Protein backbone atom coordinates (compact mmCIF):
# COMPACT_ATOMS: atom_id res chain seq x y z
CA UNK A 1 -15.62 -14.59 14.98
CA UNK A 2 -14.67 -11.90 12.49
CA UNK A 3 -11.00 -11.88 11.53
CA UNK A 4 -9.04 -8.91 12.89
CA UNK A 5 -6.39 -7.75 10.44
CA UNK A 6 -2.78 -7.79 11.53
CA UNK A 7 0.09 -5.57 10.43
CA UNK A 8 1.54 -8.61 8.65
CA UNK A 9 -1.54 -8.58 6.39
CA UNK A 10 -0.32 -5.31 4.89
CA UNK A 11 3.01 -6.97 4.10
CA UNK A 12 1.33 -10.00 2.55
CA UNK A 13 -0.97 -7.72 0.52
CA UNK A 14 2.12 -6.05 -0.89
CA UNK A 15 4.23 -9.14 -1.46
CA UNK A 16 2.23 -12.33 -1.98
CA UNK A 17 0.76 -11.34 -5.33
CA UNK A 18 4.25 -11.23 -6.82
CA UNK A 19 6.30 -13.61 -4.65
CA UNK A 20 5.53 -17.29 -5.35
CA UNK A 21 6.25 -18.62 -1.85
CA UNK A 22 6.53 -16.96 1.55
CA UNK A 23 7.41 -18.59 4.86
CA UNK A 24 5.84 -17.01 7.96
CA UNK A 25 7.90 -17.74 11.07
CA UNK A 26 7.01 -17.13 14.70
CA UNK A 27 6.25 -18.62 18.08
CA UNK A 28 3.19 -20.79 18.57
CA UNK A 29 -0.04 -18.93 19.17
CA UNK A 30 0.84 -15.60 17.54
CA UNK A 31 -1.78 -16.02 14.80
CA UNK A 32 0.27 -17.24 11.84
CA UNK A 33 -2.15 -19.92 10.63
CA UNK A 34 -5.26 -17.77 11.00
CA UNK A 35 -3.65 -14.93 9.07
CA UNK A 36 -2.40 -17.24 6.32
CA UNK A 37 -5.80 -18.93 5.98
CA UNK A 38 -7.34 -15.63 4.88
CA UNK A 39 -5.55 -15.73 1.52
CA UNK A 40 -5.35 -19.38 0.43
CA UNK A 41 -7.76 -21.87 -1.13
CA UNK A 42 -6.22 -25.01 0.35
CA UNK A 43 -4.49 -26.11 3.55
CA UNK A 44 -2.15 -28.99 4.40
CA UNK A 45 -1.94 -29.36 8.18
CA UNK A 46 1.23 -31.18 9.09
CA UNK A 47 0.44 -31.07 12.82
CA UNK A 48 -2.04 -33.89 12.03
CA UNK A 49 -0.22 -37.20 12.45
CA UNK A 50 -2.12 -38.94 9.65
CA UNK A 51 -1.48 -36.15 7.14
CA UNK A 52 2.13 -35.78 8.29
CA UNK A 53 2.87 -39.47 7.78
CA UNK A 54 1.26 -39.44 4.35
CA UNK A 55 3.17 -36.36 3.18
CA UNK A 56 6.44 -37.62 4.68
CA UNK A 57 6.10 -40.79 2.59
CA UNK A 58 5.72 -38.72 -0.59
CA UNK A 59 6.31 -34.98 -0.09
CA UNK A 60 5.49 -34.20 -3.73
CA UNK A 61 1.83 -34.84 -2.85
CA UNK A 62 1.54 -31.20 -1.76
CA UNK A 63 1.85 -30.13 -5.39
CA UNK A 64 -1.45 -31.84 -6.17
CA UNK A 65 -3.40 -29.77 -3.65
CA UNK A 66 -3.90 -26.78 -5.93
CA UNK A 67 -2.93 -23.15 -5.44
CA UNK A 68 -2.81 -21.05 -3.40
CA UNK A 69 -1.78 -23.45 -0.67
CA UNK A 70 -0.99 -23.09 3.02
CA UNK A 71 1.43 -25.69 4.40
CA UNK A 72 0.97 -25.44 8.17
CA UNK A 73 3.83 -26.47 10.50
CA UNK A 74 5.97 -27.26 7.48
CA UNK A 75 9.04 -27.91 9.65
CA UNK A 76 7.49 -31.22 10.77
CA UNK A 77 8.15 -32.56 7.25
CA UNK A 78 11.07 -30.34 6.17
CA UNK A 79 11.34 -32.10 2.81
CA UNK A 80 8.32 -30.07 1.63
CA UNK A 81 10.55 -26.97 1.64
CA UNK A 82 12.65 -28.39 -1.20
CA UNK A 83 9.51 -29.56 -3.01
CA UNK A 84 8.14 -26.01 -2.92
CA UNK A 85 11.49 -24.55 -3.92
CA UNK A 86 11.66 -26.73 -7.01
CA UNK A 87 8.04 -25.96 -7.87
CA UNK A 88 8.58 -22.20 -7.83
CA UNK A 89 11.78 -22.65 -9.80
CA UNK A 90 9.64 -24.19 -12.53
CA UNK A 91 6.79 -21.68 -12.17
CA UNK A 92 7.61 -18.33 -10.48
CA UNK A 93 4.02 -17.04 -10.60
CA UNK A 94 3.20 -15.08 -7.46
CA UNK A 95 0.82 -16.16 -4.71
CA UNK A 96 1.30 -19.94 -4.73
CA UNK A 97 2.51 -21.12 -1.31
CA UNK A 98 2.46 -19.91 2.27
CA UNK A 99 4.59 -22.01 4.62
CA UNK A 100 3.86 -21.47 8.29
CA UNK A 101 6.28 -22.71 10.94
CA UNK A 102 6.55 -22.40 14.72
CA UNK A 103 10.07 -23.81 14.84
CA UNK A 104 13.21 -23.80 12.74
CA UNK A 105 14.08 -27.21 11.28
CA UNK A 106 17.32 -28.85 12.31
CA UNK A 107 20.41 -27.76 10.34
CA UNK A 108 20.68 -29.77 7.14
CA UNK A 109 17.01 -30.81 7.19
CA UNK A 110 16.51 -28.96 3.91
CA UNK A 111 18.83 -29.32 0.95
CA UNK A 112 18.66 -25.61 0.02
CA UNK A 113 18.02 -22.41 1.96
CA UNK A 114 15.37 -21.29 -0.52
CA UNK A 115 17.13 -17.97 -1.02
CA UNK A 116 15.70 -16.18 -4.03
CA UNK A 117 12.73 -18.55 -4.19
CA UNK A 118 11.02 -18.54 -0.78
CA UNK A 119 10.69 -15.24 1.05
CA UNK A 120 10.52 -15.06 4.85
CA UNK A 121 8.48 -12.90 7.20
CA UNK A 122 8.43 -12.89 11.00
CA UNK A 123 5.14 -12.75 12.87
CA UNK A 124 5.08 -11.65 16.48
CA UNK A 125 2.32 -11.33 19.09
CA UNK A 126 -0.19 -8.50 18.77
CA UNK A 127 0.95 -4.93 19.23
CA UNK A 128 -1.25 -2.45 21.10
CA UNK A 129 -2.50 -1.03 17.81
CA UNK A 130 -3.50 -4.54 16.70
CA UNK A 131 -5.26 -5.16 20.01
CA UNK A 132 -7.51 -2.16 19.36
CA UNK A 133 -7.18 -0.70 22.85
CA UNK A 134 -6.73 2.88 21.57
CA UNK A 135 -6.96 5.00 18.43
CA UNK A 136 -3.28 5.55 17.52
CA UNK A 137 -2.28 8.81 15.79
CA UNK A 138 1.52 8.70 15.33
CA UNK A 139 2.84 6.50 12.52
CA UNK A 140 6.21 4.78 12.92
CA UNK A 141 6.55 4.84 9.14
CA UNK A 142 5.94 8.59 9.30
CA UNK A 143 8.67 9.04 11.92
CA UNK A 144 11.02 7.07 9.67
CA UNK A 145 10.24 9.58 6.91
CA UNK A 146 12.30 12.15 8.78
CA UNK A 147 9.94 15.08 8.30
CA UNK A 148 9.88 15.90 12.03
CA UNK A 149 6.44 17.43 11.74
CA UNK A 150 4.11 18.33 14.60
CA UNK A 151 2.48 15.52 16.55
CA UNK A 152 -0.96 15.30 18.08
CA UNK A 153 -3.22 12.87 19.84
CA UNK A 154 -4.55 12.06 23.27
CA UNK A 155 -4.20 8.65 24.91
CA UNK A 156 -6.63 7.46 27.60
CA UNK A 157 -4.43 4.60 28.85
CA UNK A 158 -3.15 4.82 32.42
CA UNK A 159 -0.13 3.07 33.90
CA UNK A 160 -2.45 0.38 35.24
CA UNK A 161 -3.80 -0.16 31.72
CA UNK A 162 -0.31 -0.63 30.31
CA UNK A 163 0.56 -3.12 33.03
CA UNK A 164 -2.64 -5.02 32.29
CA UNK A 165 -1.59 -5.22 28.64
CA UNK A 166 1.79 -6.60 29.69
CA UNK A 167 0.31 -9.45 31.75
CA UNK A 168 -2.54 -10.11 29.28
CA UNK A 169 -0.03 -10.91 26.49
CA UNK A 170 -0.48 -10.41 22.77
CA UNK A 171 -1.44 -14.01 21.97
CA UNK A 172 -4.82 -13.69 20.18
CA UNK A 173 -6.45 -16.74 21.77
CA UNK A 174 -5.58 -15.50 25.27
CA UNK A 175 -6.92 -11.99 24.86
CA UNK A 176 -10.39 -12.94 26.12
CA UNK A 177 -9.05 -14.69 29.23
CA UNK A 178 -8.76 -13.17 32.69
CA UNK A 179 -7.63 -14.24 36.13
CA UNK A 180 -6.82 -17.89 36.69
CA UNK A 181 -7.78 -18.92 33.14
CA UNK A 182 -5.13 -16.61 31.69
CA UNK A 183 -2.48 -17.70 34.18
CA UNK A 184 -3.33 -21.35 33.51
CA UNK A 185 -2.97 -20.95 29.75
CA UNK A 186 0.31 -19.04 29.98
CA UNK A 187 1.69 -21.70 32.34
CA UNK A 188 0.51 -24.43 29.97
CA UNK A 189 2.11 -22.65 27.02
CA UNK A 190 5.48 -22.56 28.79
CA UNK A 191 5.32 -26.13 30.10
CA UNK A 192 4.28 -27.51 26.72
CA UNK A 193 7.20 -25.71 25.10
CA UNK A 194 9.68 -27.29 27.51
CA UNK A 195 8.05 -30.73 27.80
CA UNK A 196 7.07 -31.28 24.17
CA UNK A 197 8.44 -28.71 21.73
CA UNK A 198 12.04 -28.71 22.98
CA UNK A 199 12.43 -32.52 22.69
CA UNK A 200 10.94 -32.35 19.19
CA UNK A 201 13.80 -29.98 18.33
CA UNK A 202 16.27 -32.68 19.30
CA UNK A 203 17.36 -31.53 22.76
CA UNK A 204 16.85 -34.10 25.49
CA UNK A 205 16.06 -32.26 28.72
CA UNK A 206 16.51 -34.58 31.70
CA UNK A 207 15.15 -32.01 34.14
CA UNK A 208 12.46 -29.82 32.54
CA UNK A 209 12.23 -27.77 35.73
CA UNK A 210 15.88 -26.77 35.29
CA UNK A 211 15.07 -25.27 31.90
CA UNK A 212 12.04 -23.46 33.34
CA UNK A 213 14.27 -22.08 36.09
CA UNK A 214 16.70 -20.85 33.42
CA UNK A 215 13.77 -19.26 31.58
CA UNK A 216 12.75 -17.46 34.78
CA UNK A 217 16.25 -16.04 35.07
CA UNK A 218 16.13 -15.02 31.41
CA UNK A 219 12.79 -13.30 32.07
CA UNK A 220 14.42 -11.39 34.95
CA UNK A 221 17.04 -10.21 32.43
CA UNK A 222 14.38 -8.77 30.10
CA UNK A 223 15.54 -5.60 28.32
CA UNK A 224 19.06 -5.92 29.74
CA UNK A 225 22.41 -6.96 28.31
CA UNK A 226 23.11 -9.50 31.05
CA UNK A 227 25.66 -12.12 30.06
CA UNK A 228 24.58 -15.72 29.80
CA UNK A 229 26.90 -16.43 32.73
CA UNK A 230 24.88 -13.95 34.80
CA UNK A 231 21.64 -15.58 33.71
CA UNK A 232 22.97 -19.02 34.60
CA UNK A 233 24.14 -17.73 38.00
CA UNK A 234 20.67 -16.25 38.63
CA UNK A 235 19.10 -19.60 37.70
CA UNK A 236 21.35 -21.53 40.11
CA UNK A 237 21.83 -19.33 43.19
CA UNK A 238 23.87 -20.90 45.95
CA UNK A 239 24.91 -23.88 43.84
CA UNK A 240 28.64 -24.49 43.98
CA UNK A 241 28.62 -27.08 41.20
CA UNK A 242 26.94 -25.07 38.45
CA UNK A 243 25.97 -26.49 35.05
CA UNK A 244 28.46 -25.99 32.24
CA UNK A 245 28.16 -22.82 30.14
CA UNK A 246 27.34 -25.11 27.21
CA UNK A 247 24.05 -25.96 28.98
CA UNK A 248 23.01 -22.31 28.94
CA UNK A 249 23.95 -21.99 25.28
CA UNK A 250 22.01 -25.17 24.42
CA UNK A 251 18.93 -23.74 26.16
CA UNK A 252 19.34 -20.45 24.32
CA UNK A 253 19.70 -22.09 20.93
CA UNK A 254 16.75 -24.46 21.20
CA UNK A 255 14.42 -21.81 22.63
CA UNK A 256 15.49 -19.44 19.86
CA UNK A 257 14.66 -22.14 17.30
CA UNK A 258 11.13 -22.12 18.75
CA UNK A 259 11.01 -18.31 18.38
CA UNK A 260 10.48 -18.03 22.15
CA UNK A 261 13.56 -15.85 22.62
CA UNK A 262 13.53 -12.65 20.62
CA UNK A 263 16.66 -10.65 21.55
CA UNK A 264 17.35 -7.22 20.06
CA UNK A 265 20.82 -7.19 18.48
CA UNK A 266 23.34 -4.48 19.17
CA UNK A 267 23.32 -1.86 16.44
CA UNK A 268 26.51 -1.85 14.37
CA UNK A 269 26.51 1.25 12.14
CA UNK A 270 28.68 1.11 9.05
CA UNK A 271 31.77 3.27 8.74
CA UNK A 272 33.31 5.27 11.57
CA UNK A 273 30.10 7.01 12.64
CA UNK A 274 30.29 5.58 16.16
CA UNK A 275 33.01 3.57 17.83
CA UNK A 276 33.46 1.58 21.03
CA UNK A 277 29.93 0.23 20.98
CA UNK A 278 28.88 -2.86 22.92
CA UNK A 279 27.98 -5.97 20.97
CA UNK A 280 25.76 -7.80 23.46
CA UNK A 281 22.08 -8.22 22.51
CA UNK A 282 19.24 -7.10 24.74
CA UNK A 283 17.20 -9.99 26.02
CA UNK A 284 13.49 -10.33 25.26
CA UNK A 285 11.04 -13.20 25.26
CA UNK A 286 8.52 -13.50 22.44
CA UNK A 287 5.96 -11.68 24.60
CA UNK A 288 6.43 -9.73 27.85
CA UNK A 289 3.38 -11.55 29.20
CA UNK A 290 5.46 -14.74 29.23
CA UNK A 291 8.18 -12.96 31.20
CA UNK A 292 5.69 -11.64 33.75
CA UNK A 293 4.18 -15.09 34.16
CA UNK A 294 7.57 -16.79 34.54
CA UNK A 295 8.37 -14.33 37.31
CA UNK A 296 4.97 -14.90 38.94
CA UNK A 297 4.14 -11.19 38.77
CA UNK A 298 0.55 -10.00 38.53
CA UNK A 299 -0.55 -6.53 37.54
CA UNK A 300 -0.80 -5.48 41.19
CA UNK A 301 2.60 -6.94 42.07
CA UNK A 302 4.23 -5.07 39.19
CA UNK A 303 2.54 -1.83 40.21
CA UNK A 304 3.83 -2.39 43.75
CA UNK A 305 7.41 -2.65 42.46
CA UNK A 306 7.86 -6.35 43.19
CA UNK A 307 10.64 -8.21 41.39
CA UNK A 308 14.42 -8.13 40.96
CA UNK A 309 16.15 -7.70 37.61
CA UNK A 310 19.28 -9.42 36.35
CA UNK A 311 21.80 -7.40 34.37
CA UNK A 312 23.70 -4.11 34.24
CA UNK A 313 20.78 -1.84 33.36
CA UNK A 314 19.11 -0.06 36.27
CA UNK A 315 15.38 0.14 36.71
CA UNK A 316 12.48 -1.90 38.00
CA UNK A 317 11.18 -5.15 36.57
CA UNK A 318 8.09 -3.22 35.50
CA UNK A 319 10.25 -0.71 33.66
CA UNK A 320 12.01 -3.50 31.79
CA UNK A 321 8.76 -5.27 30.93
CA UNK A 322 7.30 -1.99 29.67
CA UNK A 323 10.37 -1.61 27.45
CA UNK A 324 9.74 -5.13 26.18
CA UNK A 325 6.16 -4.19 25.30
CA UNK A 326 7.42 -1.07 23.51
CA UNK A 327 10.00 -3.19 21.68
CA UNK A 328 7.26 -5.51 20.41
CA UNK A 329 5.15 -2.52 19.32
CA UNK A 330 8.12 -1.05 17.43
CA UNK A 331 9.53 -4.19 15.80
CA UNK A 332 6.30 -5.26 14.12
CA UNK A 333 5.65 -2.00 12.20
CA UNK A 334 9.39 -1.55 11.62
CA UNK A 335 9.45 -4.82 9.67
CA UNK A 336 6.47 -3.62 7.64
CA UNK A 337 8.39 -0.40 6.90
CA UNK A 338 11.44 -2.44 5.75
CA UNK A 339 13.52 -1.28 8.71
CA UNK A 340 15.63 -3.21 11.20
CA UNK A 341 15.74 -2.69 14.96
CA UNK A 342 18.77 -2.72 17.23
CA UNK A 343 19.90 -1.10 20.44
CA UNK A 344 22.91 1.06 21.29
CA UNK A 345 25.12 0.85 24.35
CA UNK A 346 28.70 2.05 24.59
CA UNK A 347 31.18 -0.42 25.99
CA UNK A 348 31.57 1.43 29.26
CA UNK A 349 27.81 1.93 29.55
CA UNK A 350 27.89 5.73 29.74
CA UNK A 351 25.55 6.12 26.76
CA UNK A 352 22.58 3.97 25.85
CA UNK A 353 19.66 4.29 23.43
CA UNK A 354 16.96 1.71 23.96
CA UNK A 355 16.00 1.14 20.30
CA UNK A 356 17.48 2.26 17.00
CA UNK A 357 15.23 1.72 13.98
CA UNK A 358 17.37 1.68 10.84
CA UNK A 359 16.34 2.12 7.21
CA UNK A 360 18.12 0.41 4.34
CA UNK A 361 20.07 3.60 3.63
CA UNK A 362 21.56 3.58 7.13
CA UNK A 363 19.59 6.56 8.41
CA UNK A 364 17.94 5.89 11.74
CA UNK A 365 15.20 6.72 14.21
CA UNK A 366 16.31 6.73 17.86
CA UNK A 367 13.86 5.63 20.57
CA UNK A 368 14.10 6.05 24.32
CA UNK A 369 11.58 4.27 26.55
CA UNK A 370 10.40 5.92 29.76
CA UNK A 371 7.97 4.44 32.27
CA UNK A 372 6.69 7.91 33.15
CA UNK A 373 3.96 10.28 32.06
CA UNK A 374 6.29 13.28 31.74
CA UNK A 375 9.62 13.78 29.95
CA UNK A 376 12.51 15.77 31.42
CA UNK A 377 15.75 17.05 29.88
CA UNK A 378 17.54 14.22 31.71
CA UNK A 379 15.39 11.71 29.80
CA UNK A 380 16.60 13.06 26.44
CA UNK A 381 20.34 13.39 27.07
CA UNK A 382 21.32 10.19 25.25
CA UNK A 383 19.17 11.15 22.26
CA UNK A 384 20.96 14.51 22.04
CA UNK A 385 24.32 12.77 22.38
CA UNK A 386 23.43 10.50 19.45
CA UNK A 387 22.09 13.41 17.38
CA UNK A 388 25.39 15.27 17.82
CA UNK A 389 27.26 12.30 16.36
CA UNK A 390 24.87 11.30 13.60
CA UNK A 391 23.86 14.71 12.22
CA UNK A 392 21.40 14.41 9.36
CA UNK A 393 21.71 10.62 9.43
CA UNK A 394 19.40 10.71 12.44
CA UNK A 395 15.90 10.91 10.99
CA UNK A 396 14.16 11.68 14.27
CA UNK A 397 14.38 11.03 17.99
CA UNK A 398 11.43 10.00 20.12
CA UNK A 399 10.64 9.22 23.73
CA UNK A 400 7.89 6.62 24.12
CA UNK A 401 6.22 6.90 27.50
CA UNK A 402 2.97 6.40 29.41
CA UNK A 403 1.84 10.03 29.21
CA UNK A 404 -1.48 11.43 27.96
CA UNK A 405 -0.44 13.38 24.85
CA UNK A 406 1.76 13.20 21.77
CA UNK A 407 3.75 16.35 21.07
CA UNK A 408 7.14 17.64 20.01
CA UNK A 409 9.35 19.34 22.59
CA UNK A 410 10.99 22.71 21.90
CA UNK A 411 14.31 20.85 21.38
CA UNK A 412 12.69 18.81 18.58
CA UNK A 413 12.44 15.52 20.48
CA UNK A 414 9.14 13.74 19.82
CA UNK A 415 7.13 12.44 22.79
CA UNK A 416 4.67 9.64 22.00
CA UNK A 417 2.54 7.65 24.44
CA UNK A 418 2.86 3.98 23.54
CA UNK A 419 -0.89 3.70 23.01
CA UNK A 420 -0.69 6.27 20.18
CA UNK A 421 2.00 4.46 18.18
CA UNK A 422 0.62 3.28 14.82
CA UNK A 423 2.24 1.41 11.94
């Protein structure tokens, strides 16, 4: 099968020729190994027990494998990190090592962070533009340029199409699956994570079903700022003797180390630009398809409005899962554009902006997400509120929706159907 380029390939094209070693982090199944294989001449696969035991006995063996070298699942023998670090200290020539990992090693497993020697990139599941379902016309990088030019493009995707993309997931190997086969593989992915990957990270889970129940509650909190106490309460309804809060935190930490949780942090602008902002992250799983599957929601069930959310934000489960899909489709090209992504919510909840994409210079693009094919003045009120406070520090403001056309409103707000968003 012909390799389909990912947005991360553009980043590697730009960086790997000059940077000697790059670690590519991300959840299992997002395509890290396949992408890395396209630009190396050798591979060391540490998910093979025989190879892992050999390398663990003498980690310096990897240096005899030639360059450029992919070290796959490097965290299974974390000592190779320090071997690579010392090697690039001695020879900083670009394009030597790609280290791919689907989990963070335990604290202290490596002697040095690798800062200044080993660069790090995050790989996430496929965005809509990477899936090739439309011909996108509006560049996120262009919106971050701040030119506020006219927008154009027509999107054929309907609401049903977007919901299908949510439940289909962005895991490359699952894209060809439908019906029971897809549900089976998503279920297997989640059970393998809890039954196998979590114990490998050092957390003994006596009752795997309890962790899956917690994950279901977390999925119900998608795109909200629910507290972990609320999530734990949702996971244990009617139980008087609830697990300790430390249990919830242990679940969060280990699942984050597997890149399965991917929360959006609260935006904290520098200076006195905005005050009294909330600091709670917005919850997201690595892929909204995992959230839909944990909640047992099919495309038809989501379209029928089935499901109950957890958290302070109003809206349907479908609305929150659509925001999660938008978040994925924004974060991936934002990283390629050297921008960070946060969210904004005032402490009393009277103002909220779903996503804030921030350049290194502190100037930002504000994004509102609307599960609707039209945009009203009510939909843009928080964007105008933010524009009044940021002035020229706000590069642009955009509503991403499910409508048919990209355009700019008379008030200057951009309207972009999700299917038209390009890197």
